Amino acid sequence: MAIIEGFTRRETQELTGTSSNRLQYLERSQLVIPHRIGTSRKPTVIYTWEQVLEIRAIKNLRQEISLQTVRKIIKFLDESGFDDSLRDKQLVVIDDDVFWVQPDWTDFPEKMPSVLRVAGNKSKDVGQYVLLVIPPLSEIVNEIWTAAEKSQAVDFESFKQRAKAKPSRAA
């Protein structure tokens, strides 16, 4: 049996802790569009590793901000010429404001990492740089690996071959 490159809808639900309805909504709103295999009325829906990470990142953000704000962040990143994926962004939510930390420690301590305001309750000052220092955000991959280990729907051995990133082990 050949290993498929991505993850089925069911596996994606298990790995991201997201409902089928939420996956459908993310597709309708064009935030995460899976691949479809087959032309039947019920094609096989496949999500890439990057899309699984993106869905998990959105789910984590949704604990702090609305989906409308998530869409505003993606729109701002896209219109500003940045990569609009959230999976690799370090975002900090403080009250109604969302900041993107762009870590560049090459010139530290002479130069601090950049922090850009990407969303807020009011559109005022969006796109402005601010000073904010936080630790890196890398738990998404670990959360997905933990979900895969615990899942009844995901074949963990197959998952290990398909996952494109290994979990990090905290000291």
Protein backbone atom coordinates (compact mmCIF):
# COMPACT_ATOMS: atom_id res chain seq x y z
CA MET A 1 0.00 0.00 0.00
CA ALA A 2 1.40 3.39 -1.01
CA ILE A 3 1.62 6.13 1.58
CA ILE A 4 -0.36 9.21 0.65
CA GLU A 5 1.47 12.50 0.94
CA GLY A 6 -1.12 14.23 3.08
CA PHE A 7 -3.76 13.55 5.68
CA THR A 8 -7.40 12.62 5.23
CA ARG A 9 -10.19 14.82 6.59
CA ARG A 10 -10.67 12.39 9.50
CA GLU A 11 -6.94 12.36 10.32
CA THR A 12 -6.84 16.15 10.06
CA GLN A 13 -9.75 16.43 12.49
CA GLU A 14 -7.91 14.19 14.96
CA LEU A 15 -4.54 15.91 14.56
CA THR A 16 -5.91 19.44 14.86
CA GLY A 17 -8.78 18.92 17.29
CA THR A 18 -11.04 20.62 14.76
CA SER A 19 -14.57 19.63 13.74
CA SER A 20 -15.63 18.71 10.22
CA ASN A 21 -17.84 21.82 10.15
CA ARG A 22 -14.86 24.03 11.06
CA LEU A 23 -12.77 22.45 8.28
CA GLN A 24 -15.58 23.14 5.82
CA TYR A 25 -15.81 26.73 7.04
CA LEU A 26 -12.04 27.24 6.69
CA GLU A 27 -12.32 25.99 3.11
CA ARG A 28 -15.39 28.13 2.27
CA SER A 29 -13.66 31.21 3.65
CA GLN A 30 -10.55 30.25 1.62
CA LEU A 31 -8.28 30.17 4.66
CA VAL A 32 -7.29 26.49 4.17
CA ILE A 33 -8.17 24.76 0.89
CA PRO A 34 -7.48 20.99 0.83
CA HIS A 35 -6.72 18.90 -2.23
CA ARG A 36 -9.46 16.72 -3.66
CA ILE A 37 -8.71 13.35 -5.24
CA GLY A 38 -11.30 11.88 -7.57
CA THR A 39 -14.18 13.39 -9.47
CA SER A 40 -17.02 11.59 -7.77
CA ARG A 41 -19.65 13.31 -5.67
CA LYS A 42 -17.56 12.35 -2.61
CA PRO A 43 -13.90 12.85 -3.50
CA THR A 44 -11.13 12.04 -1.04
CA VAL A 45 -10.11 15.22 0.75
CA ILE A 46 -6.39 15.51 1.55
CA TYR A 47 -4.66 18.15 3.70
CA THR A 48 -0.91 18.76 3.46
CA TRP A 49 1.37 18.81 6.51
CA GLU A 50 1.56 22.59 6.20
CA GLN A 51 -2.25 22.86 6.15
CA VAL A 52 -2.51 20.69 9.28
CA LEU A 53 -0.09 23.07 11.01
CA GLU A 54 -2.07 26.06 9.72
CA ILE A 55 -5.38 24.67 11.02
CA ARG A 56 -3.82 23.98 14.43
CA ALA A 57 -2.34 27.50 14.50
CA ILE A 58 -5.77 28.98 13.70
CA LYS A 59 -7.37 26.82 16.40
CA ASN A 60 -4.84 28.05 18.94
CA LEU A 61 -5.40 31.67 17.93
CA ARG A 62 -9.17 31.18 18.19
CA GLN A 63 -8.75 30.65 21.93
CA GLU A 64 -7.78 34.32 22.15
CA ILE A 65 -9.26 36.10 19.13
CA SER A 66 -12.19 35.86 16.73
CA LEU A 67 -12.04 34.20 13.33
CA GLN A 68 -12.75 37.63 11.85
CA THR A 69 -9.52 38.89 13.46
CA VAL A 70 -7.65 35.85 12.11
CA ARG A 71 -8.88 36.76 8.63
CA LYS A 72 -7.77 40.38 9.20
CA ILE A 73 -4.27 39.18 10.13
CA ILE A 74 -4.02 37.00 7.01
CA LYS A 75 -5.33 39.85 4.84
CA PHE A 76 -2.83 42.31 6.34
CA LEU A 77 0.10 39.90 5.84
CA ASP A 78 -0.97 39.19 2.25
CA GLU A 79 -1.54 42.84 1.31
CA SER A 80 1.77 43.85 2.94
CA GLY A 81 3.71 41.35 0.85
CA PHE A 82 4.46 38.91 3.65
CA ASP A 83 3.82 35.16 3.60
CA ASP A 84 0.24 34.92 4.87
CA SER A 85 0.59 31.56 6.64
CA LEU A 86 0.16 31.61 10.40
CA ARG A 87 1.82 28.27 11.22
CA ASP A 88 5.31 29.75 11.34
CA LYS A 89 4.46 33.12 12.86
CA GLN A 90 5.04 34.02 16.47
CA LEU A 91 1.90 35.95 17.32
CA VAL A 92 1.21 37.58 20.65
CA VAL A 93 -2.29 38.60 21.70
CA ILE A 94 -2.59 41.38 24.26
CA ASP A 95 -6.17 42.43 24.91
CA ASP A 96 -7.57 43.18 21.42
CA ASP A 97 -4.20 43.72 19.76
CA VAL A 98 -2.23 41.07 17.86
CA PHE A 99 1.51 41.43 17.37
CA TRP A 100 3.79 39.44 15.06
CA VAL A 101 7.27 38.87 16.45
CA GLN A 102 9.82 38.59 13.66
CA PRO A 103 12.76 37.00 15.44
CA ASP A 104 16.18 37.94 14.14
CA TRP A 105 18.74 37.37 16.82
CA THR A 106 21.75 37.75 14.51
CA ASP A 107 22.60 41.26 15.75
CA PHE A 108 21.39 40.81 19.33
CA PRO A 109 21.84 42.71 21.67
CA GLU A 110 22.54 45.64 19.35
CA LYS A 111 19.33 45.02 17.43
CA MET A 112 16.13 43.64 18.96
CA PRO A 113 13.74 41.32 17.10
CA SER A 114 11.06 43.24 15.19
CA VAL A 115 7.48 43.26 16.43
CA LEU A 116 4.73 44.38 14.08
CA ARG A 117 1.12 45.14 15.08
CA VAL A 118 -0.97 43.08 12.63
CA ALA A 119 -4.51 43.38 14.03
CA GLY A 120 -6.54 45.14 16.62
CA ASN A 121 -10.06 46.10 17.58
CA LYS A 122 -9.55 49.35 15.76
CA SER A 123 -7.52 49.48 12.57
CA LYS A 124 -5.42 52.32 14.01
CA ASP A 125 -1.66 51.69 14.10
CA VAL A 126 -1.86 48.35 12.25
CA GLY A 127 1.48 47.90 10.50
CA GLN A 128 3.37 49.84 13.18
CA TYR A 129 6.48 48.33 14.77
CA VAL A 130 6.54 48.03 18.55
CA LEU A 131 9.00 46.73 21.16
CA LEU A 132 7.99 43.41 22.67
CA VAL A 133 10.14 40.40 23.59
CA ILE A 134 8.65 36.92 24.05
CA PRO A 135 9.96 33.35 23.90
CA PRO A 136 9.54 31.47 20.59
CA LEU A 137 6.28 29.71 19.82
CA SER A 138 6.92 26.11 18.70
CA GLU A 139 4.31 24.00 20.46
CA ILE A 140 2.09 23.41 17.40
CA VAL A 141 4.22 20.57 16.04
CA ASN A 142 4.41 18.98 19.49
CA GLU A 143 0.62 19.25 19.90
CA ILE A 144 0.03 17.51 16.57
CA TRP A 145 2.45 14.69 17.42
CA THR A 146 0.74 14.21 20.79
CA ALA A 147 -2.67 14.11 19.09
CA ALA A 148 -1.35 11.54 16.57
CA GLU A 149 -0.02 9.31 19.36
CA LYS A 150 -3.34 9.39 21.20
CA SER A 151 -5.61 9.10 18.14
CA GLN A 152 -7.58 6.01 17.28
CA ALA A 153 -8.10 7.26 13.70
CA VAL A 154 -4.46 8.02 12.84
CA ASP A 155 -2.01 5.18 12.16
CA PHE A 156 0.95 6.50 14.16
CA GLU A 157 3.60 4.59 12.19
CA SER A 158 2.25 6.01 8.94
CA PHE A 159 1.99 9.46 10.55
CA LYS A 160 5.68 9.40 11.50
CA GLN A 161 6.58 8.89 7.84
CA ARG A 162 4.23 11.63 6.57
CA ALA A 163 4.94 14.32 9.18
CA LYS A 164 7.49 16.79 7.84
CA ALA A 165 8.72 17.96 11.22
CA LYS A 166 9.74 16.07 14.33
CA PRO A 167 8.59 17.12 17.79
CA SER A 168 11.04 19.11 19.84
CA ARG A 169 11.95 17.78 23.23
CA ALA A 170 12.06 20.42 25.96
CA ALA A 171 14.96 20.16 28.37
